[in-house]
PDB file of N, CA and C in Angstrom:
ATOM      1  N   MET A   1       0.792  -1.228   0.224  1.00  0.00           N
ATOM      2  CA  MET A   1      -0.048   0.198   0.215  1.00  0.00           C
ATOM      3  C   MET A   1       1.024   0.960   0.012  1.00  0.00           C
ATOM      4  N   LYS A   2       0.632   1.947  -0.796  1.00  0.00           N
ATOM      5  CA  LYS A   2       1.303   3.479  -1.109  1.00  0.00           C
ATOM      6  C   LYS A   2       1.064   4.377   0.203  1.00  0.00           C
ATOM      7  N   ALA A   3       2.263   4.870   0.779  1.00  0.00           N
ATOM      8  CA  ALA A   3       2.137   5.736   1.813  1.00  0.00           C
ATOM      9  C   ALA A   3       1.670   7.082   1.572  1.00  0.00           C
ATOM     10  N   LYS A   4       0.622   7.542   2.460  1.00  0.00           N
ATOM     11  CA  LYS A   4      -0.035   9.044   2.242  1.00  0.00           C
ATOM     12  C   LYS A   4       0.748   9.988   2.960  1.00  0.00           C
ATOM     13  N   LYS A   5       0.773  11.021   2.189  1.00  0.00           N
ATOM     14  CA  LYS A   5       1.576  12.146   2.334  1.00  0.00           C
ATOM     15  C   LYS A   5       1.166  12.925   3.442  1.00  0.00           C
ATOM     16  N   ASN A   6       2.072  13.400   4.469  1.00  0.00           N
ATOM     17  CA  ASN A   6       1.568  14.336   5.469  1.00  0.00           C
ATOM     18  C   ASN A   6       0.859  15.365   5.118  1.00  0.00           C
ATOM     19  N   ARG A   7      -0.291  15.995   5.838  1.00  0.00           N
ATOM     20  CA  ARG A   7      -0.770  17.076   5.672  1.00  0.00           C
ATOM     21  C   ARG A   7      -1.703  17.687   6.902  1.00  0.00           C
ATOM     22  N   GLU A   8      -2.111  18.916   6.478  1.00  0.00           N
ATOM     23  CA  GLU A   8      -2.924  19.630   7.306  1.00  0.00           C
ATOM     24  C   GLU A   8      -3.673  20.782   6.731  1.00  0.00           C
ATOM     25  N   LYS A   9      -5.111  20.192   6.747  1.00  0.00           N
ATOM     26  CA  LYS A   9      -6.155  21.094   6.141  1.00  0.00           C
ATOM     27  C   LYS A   9      -6.811  21.454   7.044  1.00  0.00           C
ATOM     28  N   GLU A  10      -7.535  22.642   6.600  1.00  0.00           N
ATOM     29  CA  GLU A  10      -8.823  22.863   7.529  1.00  0.00           C
ATOM     30  C   GLU A  10      -9.943  23.364   6.481  1.00  0.00           C
ATOM     31  N   LYS A  11     -11.008  23.475   6.804  1.00  0.00           N
ATOM     32  CA  LYS A  11     -11.945  23.439   5.715  1.00  0.00           C
ATOM     33  C   LYS A  11     -13.243  24.221   6.880  1.00  0.00           C
ATOM     34  N   ALA A  12     -13.918  25.551   6.278  1.00  0.00           N
ATOM     35  CA  ALA A  12     -15.073  26.219   6.776  1.00  0.00           C
ATOM     36  C   ALA A  12     -16.180  25.953   6.364  1.00  0.00           C
ATOM     37  N   TYR A  13     -17.384  25.512   7.053  1.00  0.00           N
ATOM     38  CA  TYR A  13     -18.531  25.347   6.878  1.00  0.00           C
ATOM     39  C   TYR A  13     -19.616  26.131   7.209  1.00  0.00           C
ATOM     40  N   THR A  14     -20.865  26.426   6.250  1.00  0.00           N
ATOM     41  CA  THR A  14     -21.823  27.173   7.069  1.00  0.00           C
ATOM     42  C   THR A  14     -22.664  26.497   8.233  1.00  0.00           C
ATOM     43  N   ARG A  15     -23.298  27.347   8.915  1.00  0.00           N
ATOM     44  CA  ARG A  15     -23.765  26.314  10.096  1.00  0.00           C
ATOM     45  C   ARG A  15     -24.676  25.621   9.650  1.00  0.00           C
ATOM     46  N   ALA A  16     -25.632  25.561   8.444  1.00  0.00           N
ATOM     47  CA  ALA A  16     -26.257  24.048   7.986  1.00  0.00           C
ATOM     48  C   ALA A  16     -25.493  23.346   7.340  1.00  0.00           C
ATOM     49  N   GLN A  17     -24.344  23.534   7.052  1.00  0.00           N
ATOM     50  CA  GLN A  17     -23.370  21.941   6.373  1.00  0.00           C
ATOM     51  C   GLN A  17     -22.693  21.599   7.759  1.00  0.00           C
ATOM     52  N   ALA A  18     -22.397  22.330   8.864  1.00  0.00           N
ATOM     53  CA  ALA A  18     -21.621  21.911   9.810  1.00  0.00           C
ATOM     54  C   ALA A  18     -22.826  21.049  10.722  1.00  0.00           C
ATOM     55  N   ALA A  19     -24.045  21.483  10.822  1.00  0.00           N
ATOM     56  CA  ALA A  19     -25.155  20.832  11.418  1.00  0.00           C
ATOM     57  C   ALA A  19     -25.338  19.441  10.782  1.00  0.00           C
ATOM     58  N   GLN A  20     -25.581  19.388   9.508  1.00  0.00           N
ATOM     59  CA  GLN A  20     -25.652  18.051   8.725  1.00  0.00           C
ATOM     60  C   GLN A  20     -24.846  17.243   8.929  1.00  0.00           C
ATOM     61  N   LYS A  21     -23.191  17.640   8.972  1.00  0.00           N
ATOM     62  CA  LYS A  21     -22.066  16.943   9.075  1.00  0.00           C
ATOM     63  C   LYS A  21     -22.178  16.292  10.694  1.00  0.00           C
ATOM     64  N   LEU A  22     -22.337  17.004  11.461  1.00  0.00           N
ATOM     65  CA  LEU A  22     -22.163  16.552  12.827  1.00  0.00           C
ATOM     66  C   LEU A  22     -23.464  15.637  13.281  1.00  0.00           C
ATOM     67  N   ARG A  23     -24.562  15.871  12.216  1.00  0.00           N
ATOM     68  CA  ARG A  23     -25.857  14.734  12.689  1.00  0.00           C
ATOM     69  C   ARG A  23     -25.155  13.192  12.058  1.00  0.00           C
ATOM     70  N   ARG A  24     -24.782  13.469  11.067  1.00  0.00           N
ATOM     71  CA  ARG A  24     -24.185  12.270  10.481  1.00  0.00           C
ATOM     72  C   ARG A  24     -23.323  11.562  11.401  1.00  0.00           C
ATOM     73  N   LEU A  25     -22.346  12.388  11.815  1.00  0.00           N
ATOM     74  CA  LEU A  25     -20.900  12.134  12.855  1.00  0.00           C
ATOM     75  C   LEU A  25     -21.723  11.415  14.015  1.00  0.00           C
ATOM     76  N   ALA A  26     -22.603  11.956  14.690  1.00  0.00           N
ATOM     77  CA  ALA A  26     -23.273  11.399  15.534  1.00  0.00           C
ATOM     78  C   ALA A  26     -23.890  10.141  15.700  1.00  0.00           C
ATOM     79  N   ASP A  27     -24.688   9.968  14.432  1.00  0.00           N
ATOM     80  CA  ASP A  27     -25.505   8.703  14.027  1.00  0.00           C
ATOM     81  C   ASP A  27     -24.177   7.462  13.878  1.00  0.00           C
ATOM     82  N   ALA A  28     -23.057   7.842  12.822  1.00  0.00           N
ATOM     83  CA  ALA A  28     -21.816   6.988  12.837  1.00  0.00           C
ATOM     84  C   ALA A  28     -21.832   6.514  14.360  1.00  0.00           C
ATOM     85  N   LEU A  29     -21.246   7.507  15.098  1.00  0.00           N
ATOM     86  CA  LEU A  29     -20.866   7.069  16.722  1.00  0.00           C
ATOM     87  C   LEU A  29     -21.385   6.160  17.516  1.00  0.00           C
ATOM     88  N   ASP A  30     -23.246   6.625  17.290  1.00  0.00           N
ATOM     89  CA  ASP A  30     -24.134   5.992  18.313  1.00  0.00           C
ATOM     90  C   ASP A  30     -23.981   4.374  17.773  1.00  0.00           C
ATOM     91  N   ARG A  31     -23.804   4.248  16.415  1.00  0.00           N
ATOM     92  CA  ARG A  31     -24.037   2.809  15.702  1.00  0.00           C
ATOM     93  C   ARG A  31     -22.520   2.125  16.052  1.00  0.00           C
ATOM     94  N   GLY A  32     -21.468   2.800  16.140  1.00  0.00           N
ATOM     95  CA  GLY A  32     -20.096   2.054  16.291  1.00  0.00           C
ATOM     96  C   GLY A  32     -19.671   1.983  15.020  1.00  0.00           C
ATOM     97  N   GLU A  33     -20.023   2.812  14.047  1.00  0.00           N
ATOM     98  CA  GLU A  33     -19.586   2.487  12.554  1.00  0.00           C
ATOM     99  C   GLU A  33     -18.591   3.452  12.220  1.00  0.00           C
ATOM    100  N   PRO A  34     -17.709   3.252  11.290  1.00  0.00           N
ATOM    101  CA  PRO A  34     -16.822   4.302  10.590  1.00  0.00           C
ATOM    102  C   PRO A  34     -17.678   5.440  10.053  1.00  0.00           C
ATOM    103  N   PHE A  35     -17.015   6.586   9.988  1.00  0.00           N
ATOM    104  CA  PHE A  35     -17.417   7.960   9.521  1.00  0.00           C
ATOM    105  C   PHE A  35     -16.905   8.382   8.396  1.00  0.00           C
ATOM    106  N   ARG A  36     -17.282   8.496   7.118  1.00  0.00           N
ATOM    107  CA  ARG A  36     -16.633   8.889   6.111  1.00  0.00           C
ATOM    108  C   ARG A  36     -17.005  10.170   5.815  1.00  0.00           C
ATOM    109  N   ILE A  37     -15.845  11.375   5.667  1.00  0.00           N
ATOM    110  CA  ILE A  37     -16.132  12.567   5.000  1.00  0.00           C
ATOM    111  C   ILE A  37     -15.135  13.234   4.110  1.00  0.00           C
ATOM    112  N   GLN A  38     -15.365  14.110   3.307  1.00  0.00           N
ATOM    113  CA  GLN A  38     -14.397  14.525   2.204  1.00  0.00           C
ATOM    114  C   GLN A  38     -13.996  15.838   2.792  1.00  0.00           C
ATOM    115  N   VAL A  39     -12.440  16.211   3.039  1.00  0.00           N
ATOM    116  CA  VAL A  39     -11.923  17.346   3.501  1.00  0.00           C
ATOM    117  C   VAL A  39     -10.803  17.825   2.476  1.00  0.00           C
ATOM    118  N   ALA A  40     -11.080  19.177   2.016  1.00  0.00           N
ATOM    119  CA  ALA A  40     -10.264  19.796   1.070  1.00  0.00           C
ATOM    120  C   ALA A  40      -9.762  18.358  -0.114  1.00  0.00           C
ATOM    121  N   GLY A  41     -10.940  17.887  -0.598  1.00  0.00           N
ATOM    122  CA  GLY A  41     -10.705  17.055  -1.929  1.00  0.00           C
ATOM    123  C   GLY A  41     -10.165  15.675  -1.641  1.00  0.00           C
ATOM    124  N   GLU A  42     -10.168  15.364  -0.469  1.00  0.00           N
ATOM    125  CA  GLU A  42      -9.714  13.628   0.147  1.00  0.00           C
ATOM    126  C   GLU A  42     -10.579  13.125   0.997  1.00  0.00           C
ATOM    127  N   ARG A  43     -11.058  12.205   0.758  1.00  0.00           N
ATOM    128  CA  ARG A  43     -11.982  11.341   1.383  1.00  0.00           C
ATOM    129  C   ARG A  43     -11.168  10.658   2.827  1.00  0.00           C
ATOM    130  N   VAL A  44     -11.786  10.713   3.661  1.00  0.00           N
ATOM    131  CA  VAL A  44     -11.253  10.350   5.165  1.00  0.00           C
ATOM    132  C   VAL A  44     -12.187   9.541   5.875  1.00  0.00           C
ATOM    133  N   THR A  45     -11.716   8.246   6.240  1.00  0.00           N
ATOM    134  CA  THR A  45     -12.706   7.807   6.738  1.00  0.00           C
ATOM    135  C   THR A  45     -12.159   7.360   8.502  1.00  0.00           C
ATOM    136  N   ILE A  46     -13.005   7.807   9.356  1.00  0.00           N
ATOM    137  CA  ILE A  46     -12.627   7.657  10.674  1.00  0.00           C
ATOM    138  C   ILE A  46     -13.174   6.385  11.386  1.00  0.00           C
ATOM    139  N   PRO A  47     -12.451   5.156  11.924  1.00  0.00           N
ATOM    140  CA  PRO A  47     -12.716   4.125  12.337  1.00  0.00           C
ATOM    141  C   PRO A  47     -13.800   4.290  13.435  1.00  0.00           C
ATOM    142  N   GLY A  48     -14.705   3.151  13.744  1.00  0.00           N
ATOM    143  CA  GLY A  48     -15.506   3.108  14.725  1.00  0.00           C
ATOM    144  C   GLY A  48     -15.055   3.238  16.126  1.00  0.00           C
ATOM    145  N   ASP A  49     -13.910   2.627  15.954  1.00  0.00           N
ATOM    146  CA  ASP A  49     -13.113   2.883  17.358  1.00  0.00           C
ATOM    147  C   ASP A  49     -12.147   3.875  17.543  1.00  0.00           C
ATOM    148  N   ALA A  50     -12.227   4.742  16.834  1.00  0.00           N
ATOM    149  CA  ALA A  50     -11.320   5.878  16.810  1.00  0.00           C
ATOM    150  C   ALA A  50     -11.194   6.831  18.301  1.00  0.00           C
ATOM    151  N   CYS A  51     -10.321   7.302  18.804  1.00  0.00           N
ATOM    152  CA  CYS A  51     -10.357   8.118  19.973  1.00  0.00           C
ATOM    153  C   CYS A  51     -10.888   9.353  19.991  1.00  0.00           C
ATOM    154  N   PHE A  52     -11.501   9.698  20.669  1.00  0.00           N
ATOM    155  CA  PHE A  52     -12.257  11.036  20.495  1.00  0.00           C
ATOM    156  C   PHE A  52     -11.693  11.834  21.894  1.00  0.00           C
ATOM    157  N   SER A  53     -11.743  13.339  21.513  1.00  0.00           N
ATOM    158  CA  SER A  53     -11.097  14.166  22.258  1.00  0.00           C
ATOM    159  C   SER A  53     -11.547  15.510  22.038  1.00  0.00           C
ATOM    160  N   ILE A  54     -11.954  16.673  22.967  1.00  0.00           N
ATOM    161  CA  ILE A  54     -12.104  17.876  23.016  1.00  0.00           C
ATOM    162  C   ILE A  54     -10.933  18.929  23.165  1.00  0.00           C
ATOM    163  N   GLU A  55     -10.792  19.377  22.631  1.00  0.00           N
ATOM    164  CA  GLU A  55      -9.631  20.644  23.013  1.00  0.00           C
ATOM    165  C   GLU A  55     -10.100  22.237  23.017  1.00  0.00           C
ATOM    166  N   HIS A  56      -9.991  22.827  24.203  1.00  0.00           N
ATOM    167  CA  HIS A  56     -10.428  24.474  24.335  1.00  0.00           C
ATOM    168  C   HIS A  56      -9.046  25.006  24.390  1.00  0.00           C
ATOM    169  N   ASP A  57      -8.989  26.268  23.368  1.00  0.00           N
ATOM    170  CA  ASP A  57      -7.768  26.828  23.502  1.00  0.00           C
ATOM    171  C   ASP A  57      -8.661  28.658  23.799  1.00  0.00           C
ATOM    172  N   ARG A  58      -7.825  29.448  24.498  1.00  0.00           N
ATOM    173  CA  ARG A  58      -8.119  30.729  24.565  1.00  0.00           C
ATOM    174  C   ARG A  58      -6.894  31.438  24.751  1.00  0.00           C
ATOM    175  N   ASN A  59      -7.124  32.719  24.188  1.00  0.00           N
ATOM    176  CA  ASN A  59      -6.039  33.758  24.328  1.00  0.00           C
ATOM    177  C   ASN A  59      -6.630  34.994  24.464  1.00  0.00           C
ATOM    178  N   GLY A  60      -5.816  36.288  24.241  1.00  0.00           N
ATOM    179  CA  GLY A  60      -6.346  37.325  24.552  1.00  0.00           C
ATOM    180  C   GLY A  60      -7.380  38.064  23.423  1.00  0.00           C
ATOM    181  N   THR A  61      -7.502  37.299  22.283  1.00  0.00           N
ATOM    182  CA  THR A  61      -8.498  37.718  21.139  1.00  0.00           C
ATOM    183  C   THR A  61      -9.630  36.626  20.759  1.00  0.00           C
ATOM    184  N   GLY A  62      -9.379  35.747  21.555  1.00  0.00           N
ATOM    185  CA  GLY A  62     -10.652  35.114  21.059  1.00  0.00           C
ATOM    186  C   GLY A  62     -10.513  33.600  21.726  1.00  0.00           C
ATOM    187  N   GLU A  63     -11.290  32.473  21.081  1.00  0.00           N
ATOM    188  CA  GLU A  63     -11.271  31.340  21.765  1.00  0.00           C
ATOM    189  C   GLU A  63     -11.632  30.345  20.274  1.00  0.00           C
ATOM    190  N   GLU A  64     -11.396  28.707  20.808  1.00  0.00           N
ATOM    191  CA  GLU A  64     -11.181  27.958  19.657  1.00  0.00           C
ATOM    192  C   GLU A  64     -11.784  26.641  20.290  1.00  0.00           C
ATOM    193  N   LEU A  65     -12.763  25.864  20.110  1.00  0.00           N
ATOM    194  CA  LEU A  65     -12.817  24.618  20.439  1.00  0.00           C
ATOM    195  C   LEU A  65     -12.638  23.660  19.125  1.00  0.00           C
ATOM    196  N   GLU A  66     -12.227  22.453  19.555  1.00  0.00           N
ATOM    197  CA  GLU A  66     -11.826  21.358  18.364  1.00  0.00           C
ATOM    198  C   GLU A  66     -12.249  19.892  19.051  1.00  0.00           C
ATOM    199  N   PHE A  67     -13.189  19.464  17.885  1.00  0.00           N
ATOM    200  CA  PHE A  67     -13.620  18.101  17.956  1.00  0.00           C
ATOM    201  C   PHE A  67     -12.319  17.101  17.564  1.00  0.00           C
ATOM    202  N   GLU A  68     -11.814  16.181  18.114  1.00  0.00           N
ATOM    203  CA  GLU A  68     -10.609  15.473  17.345  1.00  0.00           C
ATOM    204  C   GLU A  68     -10.745  14.197  17.701  1.00  0.00           C
ATOM    205  N   PHE A  69     -10.776  13.671  16.253  1.00  0.00           N
ATOM    206  CA  PHE A  69     -10.487  12.050  16.486  1.00  0.00           C
ATOM    207  C   PHE A  69      -9.103  11.530  16.102  1.00  0.00           C
ATOM    208  N   SER A  70      -8.817  10.338  16.680  1.00  0.00           N
ATOM    209  CA  SER A  70      -7.310   9.878  16.209  1.00  0.00           C
ATOM    210  C   SER A  70      -7.279   8.448  16.345  1.00  0.00           C
ATOM    211  N   TRP A  71      -6.625   7.979  15.545  1.00  0.00           N
ATOM    212  CA  TRP A  71      -6.380   6.506  15.160  1.00  0.00           C
ATOM    213  C   TRP A  71      -5.330   6.169  14.535  1.00  0.00           C
ATOM    214  N   LYS A  72      -4.742   4.686  14.752  1.00  0.00           N
ATOM    215  CA  LYS A  72      -3.686   4.208  14.063  1.00  0.00           C
ATOM    216  C   LYS A  72      -3.890   3.708  12.791  1.00  0.00           C
ATOM    217  N   THR A  73      -3.144   4.106  11.657  1.00  0.00           N
ATOM    218  CA  THR A  73      -3.090   3.578  10.163  1.00  0.00           C
ATOM    219  C   THR A  73      -2.430   2.324  10.340  1.00  0.00           C
ATOM    220  N   LYS A  74      -3.304   1.807   9.341  1.00  0.00           N
ATOM    221  CA  LYS A  74      -2.471   0.349   9.183  1.00  0.00           C
ATOM    222  C   LYS A  74      -1.643   0.219   8.056  1.00  0.00           C
TER     223      LYS A  74
END
């Protein structure tokens, strides 16, 4: 299998798009199933057993909340 290149991408969504993606994600989590999403042109599959964490950052000008999934690649 060909190794994937390192990358870090971020994509902004409208409120309606974000709500739709979060609903699909929640449904997949409830069922313990993989979640598939396309980010900046690449399809990503989050395994059903991925580790989930929430990160909150604050500085003098704003705040940020990140939902993060991590898993080992095969």
